[in-house]
Amino acid sequence: MPADVASLLQSEDPAARSLGLERLSPSVAAQYSEALSKCLLDADALVRASALRAVEDVGAAATLPGLVEQLESFLKSGKTHAGGGSSSSSSSSSSSSSSSSSGARCAAALALAAVSPGSEQHAALIAPMLEEESSENFDSEDLSTISCVARRPKVSLRLPKCAAAEALGKLGPAGASYAPAVAKLLNDKSTEVRAIAADALASMGLDATTEEPALLKALQCEKQAKATAAYLNALAQGSRAKGVASYEVVNAIASSLSSPNPLVRAAAVAAMGGAGPQASLHLPKLMKALSDRSPQVKIAVVNALAELGPVGHVYAADVARLAHDEWQLPFVRCAAIDALANMGERGAAFEEEIAELVADSSEEVQDAASRFLQHATMMLTN
């Protein structure tokens, strides 16, 4: 490890500490386990975010001696490290100190989930954070000196209940046992919190399908696109886990296909891909979305058709036409080609048509066509 990285981690400047964390190689992270622990609990939000990324890159408690014990101790005591600059931290206001403490608890919970997936002990330690409230105040260290705009970390690094939900979603069955408590956050006044709760339920898979009624109720009442998209994804992941979607879920997904918001339409289309055979009832609506004005919706459609198996592969010709449509954006055409590659024999039947695209004016389309042909050759070989 270069000496300058070690000195950066000890700097009084939060930006320098963040830089040191970005330069920290996972292969030698064990030598800096104590420094990582301190940075996870740093008073500066951006340092905490950088430290969490470094821990996630390592991903194993065995290679970070002492870190788990320090984080466990912190979550029980709630004391925040001041970081390198003790003089600046001593002058912090009580509100920013509260934000720092909450943010440090977030980082600690997410780091524990990263290094010890499946731990019942950590799930029990983190779960009470689902009921914690926190202010959204940030001190001057969280402000860009250039633009004077707050550079806020992701919500799960700001709000303890969001961190708890995300962490529990990563802790396997141990975390999923708290799915009912996570589902309560679907009623939170914050859109970000509701979306995080849905994402956590989606991560829990089969273990969280008991919360399907809560998701359906939340979907029916939701007005914000971000949370709506998260609910649709959670319902789809539950259906994938069960192997089949209920008619109630499929109908709820289908009703979102006509949303005026492209984010919701794309999420609904993607969710339909996970609905299994029941999606066949709504294939006309799904195919109508292939001409949607949003590129992301078109991409979601071709991926959904590929995922649906035989009932979706029937429309391989429509996907092939989209791949050949020069009026479409290159990345839409590439998605169509990649989807054909995942349609088995139905997709492989368009080998000659896709071969023509190797000479396309778009390099991205050329590359996608080449990948398709390689895939088709492998299929024939096997």
Foldseek 3Di string as FASTA:
>chain_A
DDPLLVVLLQAQQLVSVLVSLVPDDLVCCQVVLVSLLQQCLELFLSSVVSSLVSLLVNQACVSHPPNLVSLLVCLVVQDGHHGNNPVVSVPDDPQSSQQSSQLSNLSSLQSCLRHAAQDLVSLVSLVVLLPDAHDQDHDPSQADPVPRDGPHDQVSSGRSSLSSLQSLLSRAPSSLVCLVSLLVQCPPPDLSSNLSSLQSLLSRACSNVVCLVSLLVSLVPDDDLSNNLSSLSNQLSNLLSVVAHDLSNLVSLLVQCPPPDPSSNLSSLLSLLSHEPSSLVVVVSLVVQCPPPDLSNVLSSLQSLLSRAPSSLVCLVVLLVQLVDPVDDLVSNLSSLVSLLSHPPSSLVCLVSLVVQCPPPDPSSVVSSVVSNVSSVVSVVD
